[in-house]
């Protein structure tokens, strides 16, 4: 994991999903797998028996990987990883600072800067883990102040160098997010090209793209995410 001193890069884009199950089917197809079982719960989607070798299953909470620009999260072969995430955003003079907590009690402090525009854009970020997310949140809340909280269920797939997230955000609905993790020799334009190709594969049009963070959408509707 990178410390706050070492910035990393990816190209990100978010879009609203009209039908999460259709996006899940597309993700599985891109992984060379079969269709989703009819009626499979969106919180734990299953691959139909016989669809792909070994009938791979979604792997709830498998291994490390809280999910922001990590190159090697642990994901079940051929399937996805279910992540339950709570992101608390703090007031900072530039960029965004959030503390991410997951269902296993771990946490990460994440700082990032990216334009608030629709379409694929460059994000520069730093991540550092914490073994005491509750204590760190208390200190940051007292010293900086809290902007709001985002709670989501995330289904993560790896597509080459791209992290594909199918997000169900409390109070907002369903979204698709792509994070193209740039290699040192790659440019922002390289990442944008990869992201645009995947958006086309998923049938995502410009009208579906959103700018900003999930927190911005919550705040725009008068919700700071603090109410369960």
C-alpha atoms as a PDB file:
ATOM      1  CA  UNK A   1       0.000   0.000   0.000  1.00  0.00           C
ATOM      2  CA  UNK A   2       1.247   3.468  -0.794  1.00  0.00           C
ATOM      3  CA  UNK A   3       1.803   6.032   1.930  1.00  0.00           C
ATOM      4  CA  UNK A   4       0.328   9.492   1.624  1.00  0.00           C
ATOM      5  CA  UNK A   5       3.618  10.781   0.244  1.00  0.00           C
ATOM      6  CA  UNK A   6       3.511   8.621  -2.901  1.00  0.00           C
ATOM      7  CA  UNK A   7       0.832   9.570  -5.425  1.00  0.00           C
ATOM      8  CA  UNK A   8      -0.469   6.959  -7.834  1.00  0.00           C
ATOM      9  CA  UNK A   9      -2.570   7.379 -10.983  1.00  0.00           C
ATOM     10  CA  UNK A  10      -5.590   5.914 -12.639  1.00  0.00           C
ATOM     11  CA  UNK A  11      -8.304   7.001 -15.064  1.00  0.00           C
ATOM     12  CA  UNK A  12     -11.810   6.858 -13.600  1.00  0.00           C
ATOM     13  CA  UNK A  13     -15.355   7.175 -14.850  1.00  0.00           C
ATOM     14  CA  UNK A  14     -18.757   6.671 -13.183  1.00  0.00           C
ATOM     15  CA  UNK A  15     -22.155   6.052 -14.763  1.00  0.00           C
ATOM     16  CA  UNK A  16     -25.681   5.382 -13.565  1.00  0.00           C
ATOM     17  CA  UNK A  17     -26.976   1.869 -14.186  1.00  0.00           C
ATOM     18  CA  UNK A  18     -30.535   1.319 -15.359  1.00  0.00           C
ATOM     19  CA  UNK A  19     -30.243  -2.458 -14.965  1.00  0.00           C
ATOM     20  CA  UNK A  20     -27.535  -3.827 -12.672  1.00  0.00           C
ATOM     21  CA  UNK A  21     -28.156  -7.433 -13.708  1.00  0.00           C
ATOM     22  CA  UNK A  22     -27.484  -6.574 -17.359  1.00  0.00           C
ATOM     23  CA  UNK A  23     -24.182  -4.975 -16.354  1.00  0.00           C
ATOM     24  CA  UNK A  24     -23.318  -8.059 -14.325  1.00  0.00           C
ATOM     25  CA  UNK A  25     -23.983 -10.261 -17.341  1.00  0.00           C
ATOM     26  CA  UNK A  26     -21.709  -8.036 -19.427  1.00  0.00           C
ATOM     27  CA  UNK A  27     -18.948  -8.253 -16.797  1.00  0.00           C
ATOM     28  CA  UNK A  28     -19.165 -12.029 -16.727  1.00  0.00           C
ATOM     29  CA  UNK A  29     -19.143 -12.171 -20.518  1.00  0.00           C
ATOM     30  CA  UNK A  30     -15.977 -10.087 -20.583  1.00  0.00           C
ATOM     31  CA  UNK A  31     -14.441 -12.634 -18.202  1.00  0.00           C
ATOM     32  CA  UNK A  32     -15.482 -15.437 -20.570  1.00  0.00           C
ATOM     33  CA  UNK A  33     -18.157 -16.791 -18.196  1.00  0.00           C
ATOM     34  CA  UNK A  34     -21.764 -17.752 -18.632  1.00  0.00           C
ATOM     35  CA  UNK A  35     -25.035 -16.034 -17.701  1.00  0.00           C
ATOM     36  CA  UNK A  36     -26.213 -15.079 -14.243  1.00  0.00           C
ATOM     37  CA  UNK A  37     -28.688 -17.518 -12.716  1.00  0.00           C
ATOM     38  CA  UNK A  38     -32.285 -16.239 -12.990  1.00  0.00           C
ATOM     39  CA  UNK A  39     -33.428 -14.731  -9.719  1.00  0.00           C
ATOM     40  CA  UNK A  40     -29.940 -14.661  -8.233  1.00  0.00           C
ATOM     41  CA  UNK A  41     -29.747 -12.043  -5.491  1.00  0.00           C
ATOM     42  CA  UNK A  42     -27.869  -8.936  -6.498  1.00  0.00           C
ATOM     43  CA  UNK A  43     -25.984  -8.981  -3.204  1.00  0.00           C
ATOM     44  CA  UNK A  44     -24.473 -12.375  -4.014  1.00  0.00           C
ATOM     45  CA  UNK A  45     -24.832 -13.099  -7.744  1.00  0.00           C
ATOM     46  CA  UNK A  46     -24.105 -16.655  -8.855  1.00  0.00           C
ATOM     47  CA  UNK A  47     -22.872 -18.006 -12.160  1.00  0.00           C
ATOM     48  CA  UNK A  48     -25.218 -20.652 -13.545  1.00  0.00           C
ATOM     49  CA  UNK A  49     -24.019 -24.243 -13.051  1.00  0.00           C
ATOM     50  CA  UNK A  50     -21.961 -25.379 -16.017  1.00  0.00           C
ATOM     51  CA  UNK A  51     -21.210 -21.838 -17.134  1.00  0.00           C
ATOM     52  CA  UNK A  52     -17.455 -21.881 -17.331  1.00  0.00           C
ATOM     53  CA  UNK A  53     -15.079 -24.392 -15.790  1.00  0.00           C
ATOM     54  CA  UNK A  54     -15.700 -25.090 -12.141  1.00  0.00           C
ATOM     55  CA  UNK A  55     -18.889 -22.974 -12.018  1.00  0.00           C
ATOM     56  CA  UNK A  56     -17.032 -20.077 -10.341  1.00  0.00           C
ATOM     57  CA  UNK A  57     -18.850 -18.244  -7.580  1.00  0.00           C
ATOM     58  CA  UNK A  58     -18.692 -14.712  -6.290  1.00  0.00           C
ATOM     59  CA  UNK A  59     -16.326 -14.702  -3.331  1.00  0.00           C
ATOM     60  CA  UNK A  60     -17.693 -12.639  -0.392  1.00  0.00           C
ATOM     61  CA  UNK A  61     -14.956 -10.726   1.403  1.00  0.00           C
ATOM     62  CA  UNK A  62     -12.142 -12.846  -0.009  1.00  0.00           C
ATOM     63  CA  UNK A  63      -8.728 -11.672   1.090  1.00  0.00           C
ATOM     64  CA  UNK A  64      -7.338  -8.133   1.152  1.00  0.00           C
ATOM     65  CA  UNK A  65      -8.645  -5.467  -1.147  1.00  0.00           C
ATOM     66  CA  UNK A  66     -10.802  -2.620   0.113  1.00  0.00           C
ATOM     67  CA  UNK A  67     -10.966  -1.373  -3.378  1.00  0.00           C
ATOM     68  CA  UNK A  68      -9.419   1.889  -4.554  1.00  0.00           C
ATOM     69  CA  UNK A  69      -6.775   1.558  -7.258  1.00  0.00           C
ATOM     70  CA  UNK A  70      -5.168  -1.546  -5.801  1.00  0.00           C
ATOM     71  CA  UNK A  71      -3.292  -3.532  -8.418  1.00  0.00           C
ATOM     72  CA  UNK A  72      -3.605  -6.996  -6.828  1.00  0.00           C
ATOM     73  CA  UNK A  73      -6.773  -7.489  -4.758  1.00  0.00           C
ATOM     74  CA  UNK A  74      -7.691 -11.083  -3.955  1.00  0.00           C
ATOM     75  CA  UNK A  75     -10.579 -12.126  -6.186  1.00  0.00           C
ATOM     76  CA  UNK A  76     -11.942 -15.640  -6.703  1.00  0.00           C
ATOM     77  CA  UNK A  77     -10.773 -16.989 -10.088  1.00  0.00           C
ATOM     78  CA  UNK A  78     -13.215 -16.008 -12.791  1.00  0.00           C
ATOM     79  CA  UNK A  79     -15.673 -14.311 -10.462  1.00  0.00           C
ATOM     80  CA  UNK A  80     -16.096 -11.139  -8.468  1.00  0.00           C
ATOM     81  CA  UNK A  81     -15.539  -9.959  -4.927  1.00  0.00           C
ATOM     82  CA  UNK A  82     -18.318  -8.518  -2.766  1.00  0.00           C
ATOM     83  CA  UNK A  83     -17.201  -5.547  -0.661  1.00  0.00           C
ATOM     84  CA  UNK A  84     -19.280  -3.641   1.877  1.00  0.00           C
ATOM     85  CA  UNK A  85     -17.763  -0.172   2.232  1.00  0.00           C
ATOM     86  CA  UNK A  86     -18.426   2.888   4.360  1.00  0.00           C
ATOM     87  CA  UNK A  87     -16.576   6.035   3.231  1.00  0.00           C
ATOM     88  CA  UNK A  88     -16.448   9.040   5.570  1.00  0.00           C
ATOM     89  CA  UNK A  89     -15.351  12.268   3.855  1.00  0.00           C
ATOM     90  CA  UNK A  90     -13.559  15.048   5.752  1.00  0.00           C
ATOM     91  CA  UNK A  91     -13.214  18.766   5.099  1.00  0.00           C
ATOM     92  CA  UNK A  92      -9.862  19.534   3.454  1.00  0.00           C
ATOM     93  CA  UNK A  93      -8.585  22.615   1.564  1.00  0.00           C
ATOM     94  CA  UNK A  94      -8.040  20.719  -1.704  1.00  0.00           C
ATOM     95  CA  UNK A  95      -8.880  17.340  -3.179  1.00  0.00           C
ATOM     96  CA  UNK A  96     -10.840  14.800  -1.172  1.00  0.00           C
ATOM     97  CA  UNK A  97      -9.920  12.883   1.956  1.00  0.00           C
ATOM     98  CA  UNK A  98     -11.940   9.854   3.023  1.00  0.00           C
ATOM     99  CA  UNK A  99     -11.639   7.021   5.493  1.00  0.00           C
ATOM    100  CA  UNK A 100     -12.863   3.727   4.088  1.00  0.00           C
ATOM    101  CA  UNK A 101     -14.063   0.977   6.440  1.00  0.00           C
ATOM    102  CA  UNK A 102     -14.993  -2.549   5.354  1.00  0.00           C
ATOM    103  CA  UNK A 103     -16.978  -5.417   6.809  1.00  0.00           C
ATOM    104  CA  UNK A 104     -13.856  -7.080   8.242  1.00  0.00           C
ATOM    105  CA  UNK A 105     -12.996  -4.092  10.457  1.00  0.00           C
ATOM    106  CA  UNK A 106     -10.061  -2.865   8.378  1.00  0.00           C
ATOM    107  CA  UNK A 107      -9.663   0.693   7.128  1.00  0.00           C
ATOM    108  CA  UNK A 108      -7.798   2.861   4.621  1.00  0.00           C
ATOM    109  CA  UNK A 109      -7.213   6.586   4.554  1.00  0.00           C
ATOM    110  CA  UNK A 110      -7.477   7.763   0.952  1.00  0.00           C
ATOM    111  CA  UNK A 111      -6.595  11.183  -0.466  1.00  0.00           C
ATOM    112  CA  UNK A 112      -7.323  11.900  -4.119  1.00  0.00           C
ATOM    113  CA  UNK A 113      -7.564  14.705  -6.635  1.00  0.00           C
ATOM    114  CA  UNK A 114      -9.541  14.481  -9.866  1.00  0.00           C
ATOM    115  CA  UNK A 115     -11.654  16.856 -11.974  1.00  0.00           C
ATOM    116  CA  UNK A 116     -15.384  17.014 -11.247  1.00  0.00           C
ATOM    117  CA  UNK A 117     -16.354  16.290 -14.838  1.00  0.00           C
ATOM    118  CA  UNK A 118     -18.228  13.525 -16.626  1.00  0.00           C
ATOM    119  CA  UNK A 119     -16.291  11.074 -18.742  1.00  0.00           C
ATOM    120  CA  UNK A 120     -12.968   9.331 -18.105  1.00  0.00           C
ATOM    121  CA  UNK A 121     -10.541  11.578 -16.187  1.00  0.00           C
ATOM    122  CA  UNK A 122      -7.197  11.303 -14.436  1.00  0.00           C
ATOM    123  CA  UNK A 123      -7.240  10.656 -10.697  1.00  0.00           C
ATOM    124  CA  UNK A 124      -4.133  11.036  -8.527  1.00  0.00           C
ATOM    125  CA  UNK A 125      -4.408   9.292  -5.181  1.00  0.00           C
ATOM    126  CA  UNK A 126      -2.589   8.030  -2.115  1.00  0.00           C
ATOM    127  CA  UNK A 127      -3.670   5.277   0.269  1.00  0.00           C
ATOM    128  CA  UNK A 128      -2.455   4.235   3.687  1.00  0.00           C
ATOM    129  CA  UNK A 129      -3.965   1.421   5.790  1.00  0.00           C
ATOM    130  CA  UNK A 130      -5.023   1.714   9.410  1.00  0.00           C
ATOM    131  CA  UNK A 131      -5.621  -0.952  12.039  1.00  0.00           C
ATOM    132  CA  UNK A 132      -7.760   1.485  14.061  1.00  0.00           C
ATOM    133  CA  UNK A 133     -10.281   3.079  11.685  1.00  0.00           C
ATOM    134  CA  UNK A 134     -12.664   4.037  14.504  1.00  0.00           C
ATOM    135  CA  UNK A 135      -9.956   5.891  16.409  1.00  0.00           C
ATOM    136  CA  UNK A 136      -8.652   7.590  13.293  1.00  0.00           C
ATOM    137  CA  UNK A 137     -12.150   8.669  12.313  1.00  0.00           C
ATOM    138  CA  UNK A 138     -12.679  10.218  15.742  1.00  0.00           C
ATOM    139  CA  UNK A 139      -9.449  12.248  15.464  1.00  0.00           C
ATOM    140  CA  UNK A 140     -10.108  13.395  11.891  1.00  0.00           C
ATOM    141  CA  UNK A 141     -13.715  14.295  12.687  1.00  0.00           C
ATOM    142  CA  UNK A 142     -12.620  16.483  15.603  1.00  0.00           C
ATOM    143  CA  UNK A 143      -9.759  18.149  13.744  1.00  0.00           C
ATOM    144  CA  UNK A 144     -11.174  18.550  10.217  1.00  0.00           C
ATOM    145  CA  UNK A 145     -14.941  18.064  10.408  1.00  0.00           C
ATOM    146  CA  UNK A 146     -17.065  15.575   8.457  1.00  0.00           C
ATOM    147  CA  UNK A 147     -18.641  16.352   5.074  1.00  0.00           C
ATOM    148  CA  UNK A 148     -20.714  13.194   4.875  1.00  0.00           C
ATOM    149  CA  UNK A 149     -20.764   9.431   4.563  1.00  0.00           C
ATOM    150  CA  UNK A 150     -21.268   7.067   1.634  1.00  0.00           C
ATOM    151  CA  UNK A 151     -22.348   3.468   2.237  1.00  0.00           C
ATOM    152  CA  UNK A 152     -22.272   0.986  -0.601  1.00  0.00           C
ATOM    153  CA  UNK A 153     -22.193  -2.638  -1.635  1.00  0.00           C
ATOM    154  CA  UNK A 154     -19.504  -3.096  -4.290  1.00  0.00           C
ATOM    155  CA  UNK A 155     -19.062  -6.033  -6.639  1.00  0.00           C
ATOM    156  CA  UNK A 156     -15.511  -5.949  -7.970  1.00  0.00           C
ATOM    157  CA  UNK A 157     -14.242  -7.535 -11.181  1.00  0.00           C
ATOM    158  CA  UNK A 158     -10.745  -7.311 -12.647  1.00  0.00           C
ATOM    159  CA  UNK A 159     -10.607  -6.829 -16.423  1.00  0.00           C
ATOM    160  CA  UNK A 160      -6.938  -6.676 -17.320  1.00  0.00           C
ATOM    161  CA  UNK A 161      -5.600  -3.444 -15.844  1.00  0.00           C
ATOM    162  CA  UNK A 162      -9.120  -2.184 -15.108  1.00  0.00           C
ATOM    163  CA  UNK A 163     -11.042  -2.508 -11.848  1.00  0.00           C
ATOM    164  CA  UNK A 164     -14.744  -2.725 -12.670  1.00  0.00           C
ATOM    165  CA  UNK A 165     -17.104  -1.825  -9.812  1.00  0.00           C
ATOM    166  CA  UNK A 166     -20.841  -2.490  -9.763  1.00  0.00           C
ATOM    167  CA  UNK A 167     -21.932  -0.286  -6.876  1.00  0.00           C
ATOM    168  CA  UNK A 168     -25.238  -0.196  -5.013  1.00  0.00           C
ATOM    169  CA  UNK A 169     -25.085   3.086  -3.082  1.00  0.00           C
ATOM    170  CA  UNK A 170     -27.418   3.674  -0.141  1.00  0.00           C
ATOM    171  CA  UNK A 171     -29.792   6.516  -0.972  1.00  0.00           C
ATOM    172  CA  UNK A 172     -28.727   6.743  -4.628  1.00  0.00           C
ATOM    173  CA  UNK A 173     -29.136   3.451  -6.491  1.00  0.00           C
ATOM    174  CA  UNK A 174     -26.912   1.475  -8.837  1.00  0.00           C
ATOM    175  CA  UNK A 175     -23.762   2.630 -10.604  1.00  0.00           C
ATOM    176  CA  UNK A 176     -20.891   1.340 -12.688  1.00  0.00           C
ATOM    177  CA  UNK A 177     -17.390   2.665 -11.994  1.00  0.00           C
ATOM    178  CA  UNK A 178     -14.243   1.927 -13.977  1.00  0.00           C
ATOM    179  CA  UNK A 179     -10.721   2.466 -12.618  1.00  0.00           C
ATOM    180  CA  UNK A 180      -8.024   1.954 -15.250  1.00  0.00           C
ATOM    181  CA  UNK A 181      -4.833   1.521 -13.193  1.00  0.00           C
ATOM    182  CA  UNK A 182      -2.141   3.210 -15.282  1.00  0.00           C
ATOM    183  CA  UNK A 183       1.254   1.633 -15.692  1.00  0.00           C
ATOM    184  CA  UNK A 184       4.229   4.006 -15.301  1.00  0.00           C
ATOM    185  CA  UNK A 185       4.739   4.287 -19.053  1.00  0.00           C
ATOM    186  CA  UNK A 186       1.077   4.951 -19.838  1.00  0.00           C
ATOM    187  CA  UNK A 187      -0.486   8.358 -20.401  1.00  0.00           C
ATOM    188  CA  UNK A 188      -3.881   9.685 -19.356  1.00  0.00           C
ATOM    189  CA  UNK A 189      -4.984   9.297 -22.990  1.00  0.00           C
ATOM    190  CA  UNK A 190      -4.103   5.589 -22.884  1.00  0.00           C
ATOM    191  CA  UNK A 191      -6.336   5.109 -19.844  1.00  0.00           C
ATOM    192  CA  UNK A 192      -9.175   7.108 -21.381  1.00  0.00           C
ATOM    193  CA  UNK A 193      -9.076   4.901 -24.475  1.00  0.00           C
ATOM    194  CA  UNK A 194      -9.360   1.730 -22.366  1.00  0.00           C
ATOM    195  CA  UNK A 195     -12.237   3.219 -20.339  1.00  0.00           C
ATOM    196  CA  UNK A 196     -14.154   4.362 -23.431  1.00  0.00           C
ATOM    197  CA  UNK A 197     -13.876   0.918 -25.020  1.00  0.00           C
ATOM    198  CA  UNK A 198     -15.311  -0.687 -21.887  1.00  0.00           C
ATOM    199  CA  UNK A 199     -18.129   1.870 -21.667  1.00  0.00           C
ATOM    200  CA  UNK A 200     -19.078   0.969 -25.223  1.00  0.00           C
ATOM    201  CA  UNK A 201     -18.996  -2.738 -24.303  1.00  0.00           C
ATOM    202  CA  UNK A 202     -21.406  -2.058 -21.442  1.00  0.00           C
ATOM    203  CA  UNK A 203     -23.695   0.068 -23.586  1.00  0.00           C
ATOM    204  CA  UNK A 204     -23.107   3.184 -21.453  1.00  0.00           C
ATOM    205  CA  UNK A 205     -23.896   6.449 -23.237  1.00  0.00           C
ATOM    206  CA  UNK A 206     -22.839  10.012 -22.443  1.00  0.00           C
ATOM    207  CA  UNK A 207     -26.229  10.669 -20.861  1.00  0.00           C
ATOM    208  CA  UNK A 208     -25.455   8.042 -18.193  1.00  0.00           C
ATOM    209  CA  UNK A 209     -22.092   9.498 -17.135  1.00  0.00           C
ATOM    210  CA  UNK A 210     -21.860  11.450 -13.888  1.00  0.00           C
ATOM    211  CA  UNK A 211     -19.365  13.941 -12.519  1.00  0.00           C
ATOM    212  CA  UNK A 212     -18.025  14.225  -8.999  1.00  0.00           C
ATOM    213  CA  UNK A 213     -18.279  11.680  -6.201  1.00  0.00           C
ATOM    214  CA  UNK A 214     -21.216   9.751  -4.783  1.00  0.00           C
ATOM    215  CA  UNK A 215     -21.105  12.146  -1.835  1.00  0.00           C
ATOM    216  CA  UNK A 216     -21.808  15.062  -4.179  1.00  0.00           C
ATOM    217  CA  UNK A 217     -24.975  13.343  -5.398  1.00  0.00           C
ATOM    218  CA  UNK A 218     -26.116  12.706  -1.831  1.00  0.00           C
ATOM    219  CA  UNK A 219     -25.445  16.296  -0.778  1.00  0.00           C
ATOM    220  CA  UNK A 220     -27.284  17.592  -3.867  1.00  0.00           C
ATOM    221  CA  UNK A 221     -30.445  15.839  -2.650  1.00  0.00           C
ATOM    222  CA  UNK A 222     -30.001  17.100   0.900  1.00  0.00           C
ATOM    223  CA  UNK A 223     -28.569  13.894   2.351  1.00  0.00           C
ATOM    224  CA  UNK A 224     -25.133  13.696   3.969  1.00  0.00           C
ATOM    225  CA  UNK A 225     -25.380   9.919   4.350  1.00  0.00           C
ATOM    226  CA  UNK A 226     -25.260   9.954   8.158  1.00  0.00           C
ATOM    227  CA  UNK A 227     -28.761   8.498   8.580  1.00  0.00           C
ATOM    228  CA  UNK A 228     -28.915   4.712   8.373  1.00  0.00           C
END
